[in-house]
PDB file of N, CA and C in Angstrom:
ATOM      1  N   MET A   1      15.768  26.172   9.498  1.00  0.00           N
ATOM      2  CA  MET A   1      14.702  25.193   9.425  1.00  0.00           C
ATOM      3  C   MET A   1      14.214  24.858  10.831  1.00  0.00           C
ATOM      4  N   ARG A   2      12.946  24.542  10.932  1.00  0.00           N
ATOM      5  CA  ARG A   2      12.395  24.138  12.225  1.00  0.00           C
ATOM      6  C   ARG A   2      12.995  22.805  12.625  1.00  0.00           C
ATOM      7  N   LYS A   3      13.363  22.695  13.904  1.00  0.00           N
ATOM      8  CA  LYS A   3      13.969  21.466  14.420  1.00  0.00           C
ATOM      9  C   LYS A   3      12.979  20.740  15.308  1.00  0.00           C
ATOM     10  N   GLY A   4      13.169  19.414  15.445  1.00  0.00           N
ATOM     11  CA  GLY A   4      12.343  18.602  16.314  1.00  0.00           C
ATOM     12  C   GLY A   4      11.264  17.873  15.548  1.00  0.00           C
ATOM     13  N   VAL A   5      10.343  17.287  16.297  1.00  0.00           N
ATOM     14  CA  VAL A   5       9.249  16.534  15.699  1.00  0.00           C
ATOM     15  C   VAL A   5       8.152  17.505  15.295  1.00  0.00           C
ATOM     16  N   ILE A   6       7.718  17.407  14.049  1.00  0.00           N
ATOM     17  CA  ILE A   6       6.648  18.249  13.539  1.00  0.00           C
ATOM     18  C   ILE A   6       5.430  17.364  13.334  1.00  0.00           C
ATOM     19  N   THR A   7       4.372  17.620  14.094  1.00  0.00           N
ATOM     20  CA  THR A   7       3.165  16.807  13.995  1.00  0.00           C
ATOM     21  C   THR A   7       2.375  17.240  12.773  1.00  0.00           C
ATOM     22  N   ILE A   8       2.139  16.299  11.869  1.00  0.00           N
ATOM     23  CA  ILE A   8       1.395  16.588  10.652  1.00  0.00           C
ATOM     24  C   ILE A   8       0.434  15.447  10.369  1.00  0.00           C
ATOM     25  N   ASN A   9      -0.524  15.709   9.505  1.00  0.00           N
ATOM     26  CA  ASN A   9      -1.532  14.711   9.185  1.00  0.00           C
ATOM     27  C   ASN A   9      -1.612  14.506   7.678  1.00  0.00           C
ATOM     28  N   LYS A  10      -0.736  13.674   7.151  1.00  0.00           N
ATOM     29  CA  LYS A  10      -0.756  13.261   5.745  1.00  0.00           C
ATOM     30  C   LYS A  10      -0.741  14.434   4.780  1.00  0.00           C
ATOM     31  N   ASN A  11       0.243  15.297   4.920  1.00  0.00           N
ATOM     32  CA  ASN A  11       0.400  16.449   4.044  1.00  0.00           C
ATOM     33  C   ASN A  11       1.418  16.175   2.951  1.00  0.00           C
ATOM     34  N   SER A  12       1.496  17.097   1.997  1.00  0.00           N
ATOM     35  CA  SER A  12       2.522  17.049   0.963  1.00  0.00           C
ATOM     36  C   SER A  12       3.786  17.718   1.479  1.00  0.00           C
ATOM     37  N   LEU A  13       4.940  17.188   1.078  1.00  0.00           N
ATOM     38  CA  LEU A  13       6.244  17.730   1.457  1.00  0.00           C
ATOM     39  C   LEU A  13       7.074  17.879   0.197  1.00  0.00           C
ATOM     40  N   ILE A  14       7.663  19.062   0.009  1.00  0.00           N
ATOM     41  CA  ILE A  14       8.580  19.298  -1.099  1.00  0.00           C
ATOM     42  C   ILE A  14       9.957  19.556  -0.501  1.00  0.00           C
ATOM     43  N   ILE A  15      10.978  18.878  -1.055  1.00  0.00           N
ATOM     44  CA  ILE A  15      12.361  19.045  -0.606  1.00  0.00           C
ATOM     45  C   ILE A  15      13.181  19.530  -1.791  1.00  0.00           C
ATOM     46  N   TRP A  16      13.945  20.612  -1.580  1.00  0.00           N
ATOM     47  CA  TRP A  16      14.884  21.104  -2.582  1.00  0.00           C
ATOM     48  C   TRP A  16      16.272  20.664  -2.170  1.00  0.00           C
ATOM     49  N   LEU A  17      16.961  19.959  -3.069  1.00  0.00           N
ATOM     50  CA  LEU A  17      18.313  19.491  -2.800  1.00  0.00           C
ATOM     51  C   LEU A  17      19.339  20.506  -3.305  1.00  0.00           C
ATOM     52  N   LEU A  18      20.539  20.460  -2.747  1.00  0.00           N
ATOM     53  CA  LEU A  18      21.608  21.368  -3.168  1.00  0.00           C
ATOM     54  C   LEU A  18      22.007  21.143  -4.622  1.00  0.00           C
ATOM     55  N   THR A  19      21.713  19.973  -5.167  1.00  0.00           N
ATOM     56  CA  THR A  19      22.022  19.657  -6.562  1.00  0.00           C
ATOM     57  C   THR A  19      21.047  20.320  -7.535  1.00  0.00           C
ATOM     58  N   GLY A  20      19.982  20.960  -7.003  1.00  0.00           N
ATOM     59  CA  GLY A  20      18.980  21.601  -7.840  1.00  0.00           C
ATOM     60  C   GLY A  20      17.751  20.744  -8.079  1.00  0.00           C
ATOM     61  N   GLU A  21      17.783  19.506  -7.617  1.00  0.00           N
ATOM     62  CA  GLU A  21      16.628  18.624  -7.778  1.00  0.00           C
ATOM     63  C   GLU A  21      15.527  18.997  -6.788  1.00  0.00           C
ATOM     64  N   THR A  22      14.287  18.721  -7.184  1.00  0.00           N
ATOM     65  CA  THR A  22      13.122  18.931  -6.329  1.00  0.00           C
ATOM     66  C   THR A  22      12.417  17.591  -6.159  1.00  0.00           C
ATOM     67  N   LEU A  23      12.105  17.247  -4.918  1.00  0.00           N
ATOM     68  CA  LEU A  23      11.430  15.990  -4.603  1.00  0.00           C
ATOM     69  C   LEU A  23      10.086  16.301  -3.961  1.00  0.00           C
ATOM     70  N   LYS A  24       9.051  15.551  -4.334  1.00  0.00           N
ATOM     71  CA  LYS A  24       7.723  15.751  -3.745  1.00  0.00           C
ATOM     72  C   LYS A  24       7.239  14.438  -3.149  1.00  0.00           C
ATOM     73  N   PHE A  25       6.734  14.519  -1.916  1.00  0.00           N
ATOM     74  CA  PHE A  25       6.223  13.351  -1.203  1.00  0.00           C
ATOM     75  C   PHE A  25       4.799  13.631  -0.762  1.00  0.00           C
ATOM     76  N   GLU A  26       3.941  12.618  -0.865  1.00  0.00           N
ATOM     77  CA  GLU A  26       2.533  12.721  -0.477  1.00  0.00           C
ATOM     78  C   GLU A  26       2.262  11.861   0.753  1.00  0.00           C
ATOM     79  N   GLY A  27       1.234  12.212   1.487  1.00  0.00           N
ATOM     80  CA  GLY A  27       0.828  11.430   2.653  1.00  0.00           C
ATOM     81  C   GLY A  27       1.890  11.397   3.728  1.00  0.00           C
ATOM     82  N   VAL A  28       2.587  12.510   3.923  1.00  0.00           N
ATOM     83  CA  VAL A  28       3.704  12.565   4.870  1.00  0.00           C
ATOM     84  C   VAL A  28       3.198  12.597   6.309  1.00  0.00           C
ATOM     85  N   GLU A  29       3.811  11.762   7.142  1.00  0.00           N
ATOM     86  CA  GLU A  29       3.498  11.694   8.572  1.00  0.00           C
ATOM     87  C   GLU A  29       4.802  11.536   9.348  1.00  0.00           C
ATOM     88  N   ASN A  30       4.745  11.785  10.649  1.00  0.00           N
ATOM     89  CA  ASN A  30       5.865  11.525  11.570  1.00  0.00           C
ATOM     90  C   ASN A  30       7.151  12.202  11.123  1.00  0.00           C
ATOM     91  N   LEU A  31       7.059  13.448  10.705  1.00  0.00           N
ATOM     92  CA  LEU A  31       8.243  14.171  10.256  1.00  0.00           C
ATOM     93  C   LEU A  31       9.082  14.596  11.450  1.00  0.00           C
ATOM     94  N   GLU A  32      10.373  14.309  11.386  1.00  0.00           N
ATOM     95  CA  GLU A  32      11.313  14.714  12.434  1.00  0.00           C
ATOM     96  C   GLU A  32      12.489  15.409  11.774  1.00  0.00           C
ATOM     97  N   ASN A  33      12.741  16.635  12.202  1.00  0.00           N
ATOM     98  CA  ASN A  33      13.814  17.453  11.645  1.00  0.00           C
ATOM     99  C   ASN A  33      14.820  17.732  12.751  1.00  0.00           C
ATOM    100  N   ASN A  34      16.040  17.182  12.622  1.00  0.00           N
ATOM    101  CA  ASN A  34      17.077  17.458  13.622  1.00  0.00           C
ATOM    102  C   ASN A  34      18.327  17.978  12.928  1.00  0.00           C
ATOM    103  N   ASP A  35      19.407  18.152  13.666  1.00  0.00           N
ATOM    104  CA  ASP A  35      20.624  18.755  13.106  1.00  0.00           C
ATOM    105  C   ASP A  35      21.254  17.920  11.995  1.00  0.00           C
ATOM    106  N   ASN A  36      21.056  16.618  11.996  1.00  0.00           N
ATOM    107  CA  ASN A  36      21.722  15.745  11.038  1.00  0.00           C
ATOM    108  C   ASN A  36      20.818  15.190   9.956  1.00  0.00           C
ATOM    109  N   GLU A  37      19.537  14.961  10.273  1.00  0.00           N
ATOM    110  CA  GLU A  37      18.650  14.253   9.350  1.00  0.00           C
ATOM    111  C   GLU A  37      17.242  14.836   9.327  1.00  0.00           C
ATOM    112  N   LEU A  38      16.582  14.603   8.205  1.00  0.00           N
ATOM    113  CA  LEU A  38      15.151  14.860   8.063  1.00  0.00           C
ATOM    114  C   LEU A  38      14.521  13.490   7.820  1.00  0.00           C
ATOM    115  N   ASN A  39      13.685  13.029   8.749  1.00  0.00           N
ATOM    116  CA  ASN A  39      13.065  11.702   8.691  1.00  0.00           C
ATOM    117  C   ASN A  39      11.550  11.853   8.583  1.00  0.00           C
ATOM    118  N   PHE A  40      10.919  10.963   7.817  1.00  0.00           N
ATOM    119  CA  PHE A  40       9.457  10.984   7.733  1.00  0.00           C
ATOM    120  C   PHE A  40       8.947   9.705   7.090  1.00  0.00           C
ATOM    121  N   ASP A  41       7.673   9.456   7.263  1.00  0.00           N
ATOM    122  CA  ASP A  41       6.969   8.369   6.587  1.00  0.00           C
ATOM    123  C   ASP A  41       6.119   9.004   5.492  1.00  0.00           C
ATOM    124  N   TYR A  42       5.944   8.293   4.388  1.00  0.00           N
ATOM    125  CA  TYR A  42       5.138   8.827   3.284  1.00  0.00           C
ATOM    126  C   TYR A  42       4.486   7.687   2.506  1.00  0.00           C
ATOM    127  N   PHE A  43       3.527   8.058   1.666  1.00  0.00           N
ATOM    128  CA  PHE A  43       2.839   7.097   0.827  1.00  0.00           C
ATOM    129  C   PHE A  43       3.314   7.274  -0.604  1.00  0.00           C
ATOM    130  N   GLY A  44       3.912   6.226  -1.191  1.00  0.00           N
ATOM    131  CA  GLY A  44       4.391   6.284  -2.564  1.00  0.00           C
ATOM    132  C   GLY A  44       3.223   6.212  -3.537  1.00  0.00           C
ATOM    133  N   VAL A  45       2.957   7.299  -4.236  1.00  0.00           N
ATOM    134  CA  VAL A  45       1.810   7.372  -5.138  1.00  0.00           C
ATOM    135  C   VAL A  45       1.939   6.358  -6.274  1.00  0.00           C
ATOM    136  N   SER A  46       3.112   6.279  -6.885  1.00  0.00           N
ATOM    137  CA  SER A  46       3.275   5.369  -8.029  1.00  0.00           C
ATOM    138  C   SER A  46       3.348   3.906  -7.612  1.00  0.00           C
ATOM    139  N   THR A  47       3.889   3.634  -6.416  1.00  0.00           N
ATOM    140  CA  THR A  47       4.033   2.245  -5.951  1.00  0.00           C
ATOM    141  C   THR A  47       2.887   1.784  -5.062  1.00  0.00           C
ATOM    142  N   GLN A  48       2.104   2.761  -4.539  1.00  0.00           N
ATOM    143  CA  GLN A  48       1.000   2.462  -3.620  1.00  0.00           C
ATOM    144  C   GLN A  48       1.489   1.740  -2.361  1.00  0.00           C
ATOM    145  N   VAL A  49       2.679   2.121  -1.888  1.00  0.00           N
ATOM    146  CA  VAL A  49       3.302   1.508  -0.718  1.00  0.00           C
ATOM    147  C   VAL A  49       3.690   2.601   0.268  1.00  0.00           C
ATOM    148  N   LYS A  50       3.483   2.343   1.559  1.00  0.00           N
ATOM    149  CA  LYS A  50       3.910   3.263   2.600  1.00  0.00           C
ATOM    150  C   LYS A  50       5.386   3.006   2.890  1.00  0.00           C
ATOM    151  N   ARG A  51       6.188   4.071   2.957  1.00  0.00           N
ATOM    152  CA  ARG A  51       7.638   3.956   3.154  1.00  0.00           C
ATOM    153  C   ARG A  51       8.125   4.964   4.188  1.00  0.00           C
ATOM    154  N   SER A  52       9.359   4.766   4.626  1.00  0.00           N
ATOM    155  CA  SER A  52      10.054   5.715   5.487  1.00  0.00           C
ATOM    156  C   SER A  52      11.229   6.282   4.708  1.00  0.00           C
ATOM    157  N   ALA A  53      11.538   7.558   4.943  1.00  0.00           N
ATOM    158  CA  ALA A  53      12.656   8.205   4.251  1.00  0.00           C
ATOM    159  C   ALA A  53      13.545   8.921   5.258  1.00  0.00           C
ATOM    160  N   VAL A  54      14.839   8.960   4.954  1.00  0.00           N
ATOM    161  CA  VAL A  54      15.820   9.681   5.758  1.00  0.00           C
ATOM    162  C   VAL A  54      16.715  10.461   4.803  1.00  0.00           C
ATOM    163  N   PHE A  55      16.830  11.772   5.025  1.00  0.00           N
ATOM    164  CA  PHE A  55      17.702  12.620   4.225  1.00  0.00           C
ATOM    165  C   PHE A  55      18.744  13.261   5.119  1.00  0.00           C
ATOM    166  N   ASN A  56      19.980  13.280   4.648  1.00  0.00           N
ATOM    167  CA  ASN A  56      21.064  13.957   5.346  1.00  0.00           C
ATOM    168  C   ASN A  56      20.871  15.462   5.180  1.00  0.00           C
ATOM    169  N   GLN A  57      20.916  16.211   6.279  1.00  0.00           N
ATOM    170  CA  GLN A  57      20.699  17.663   6.232  1.00  0.00           C
ATOM    171  C   GLN A  57      21.715  18.376   5.340  1.00  0.00           C
ATOM    172  N   LEU A  58      22.908  17.800   5.179  1.00  0.00           N
ATOM    173  CA  LEU A  58      23.934  18.435   4.354  1.00  0.00           C
ATOM    174  C   LEU A  58      23.534  18.526   2.890  1.00  0.00           C
ATOM    175  N   ASN A  59      22.570  17.705   2.451  1.00  0.00           N
ATOM    176  CA  ASN A  59      22.148  17.685   1.050  1.00  0.00           C
ATOM    177  C   ASN A  59      20.895  18.501   0.779  1.00  0.00           C
ATOM    178  N   ILE A  60      20.281  19.055   1.829  1.00  0.00           N
ATOM    179  CA  ILE A  60      18.998  19.745   1.688  1.00  0.00           C
ATOM    180  C   ILE A  60      19.198  21.260   1.663  1.00  0.00           C
ATOM    181  N   ALA A  61      18.670  21.891   0.611  1.00  0.00           N
ATOM    182  CA  ALA A  61      18.707  23.359   0.536  1.00  0.00           C
ATOM    183  C   ALA A  61      17.522  23.949   1.291  1.00  0.00           C
ATOM    184  N   GLY A  62      16.378  23.222   1.302  1.00  0.00           N
ATOM    185  CA  GLY A  62      15.196  23.688   1.997  1.00  0.00           C
ATOM    186  C   GLY A  62      14.047  22.732   1.798  1.00  0.00           C
ATOM    187  N   PHE A  63      12.959  22.977   2.541  1.00  0.00           N
ATOM    188  CA  PHE A  63      11.767  22.158   2.349  1.00  0.00           C
ATOM    189  C   PHE A  63      10.526  22.953   2.676  1.00  0.00           C
ATOM    190  N   ALA A  64       9.409  22.531   2.103  1.00  0.00           N
ATOM    191  CA  ALA A  64       8.118  23.165   2.344  1.00  0.00           C
ATOM    192  C   ALA A  64       7.109  22.086   2.682  1.00  0.00           C
ATOM    193  N   LEU A  65       6.322  22.334   3.707  1.00  0.00           N
ATOM    194  CA  LEU A  65       5.322  21.396   4.169  1.00  0.00           C
ATOM    195  C   LEU A  65       3.948  22.026   4.023  1.00  0.00           C
ATOM    196  N   GLU A  66       3.029  21.320   3.369  1.00  0.00           N
ATOM    197  CA  GLU A  66       1.661  21.808   3.211  1.00  0.00           C
ATOM    198  C   GLU A  66       1.034  21.990   4.591  1.00  0.00           C
ATOM    199  N   GLN A  67       0.336  23.108   4.785  1.00  0.00           N
ATOM    200  CA  GLN A  67      -0.288  23.367   6.083  1.00  0.00           C
ATOM    201  C   GLN A  67      -1.733  22.943   6.088  1.00  0.00           C
TER     202      GLN A  67
END
């Protein structure tokens, strides 16, 4: 996976977890991918609230970012 800060402009992000679950986030900004965590801000479509998320890298099988 790419490491460091990834500059993006409100794109969609899909995360695949090792448990087989798939998560989708909209309006993603300020994504930072390091050895321990994947951090980003996103807009909750159902709640209409801007939030921050942190995922432990040990739980992530992979992710895809809209270009």
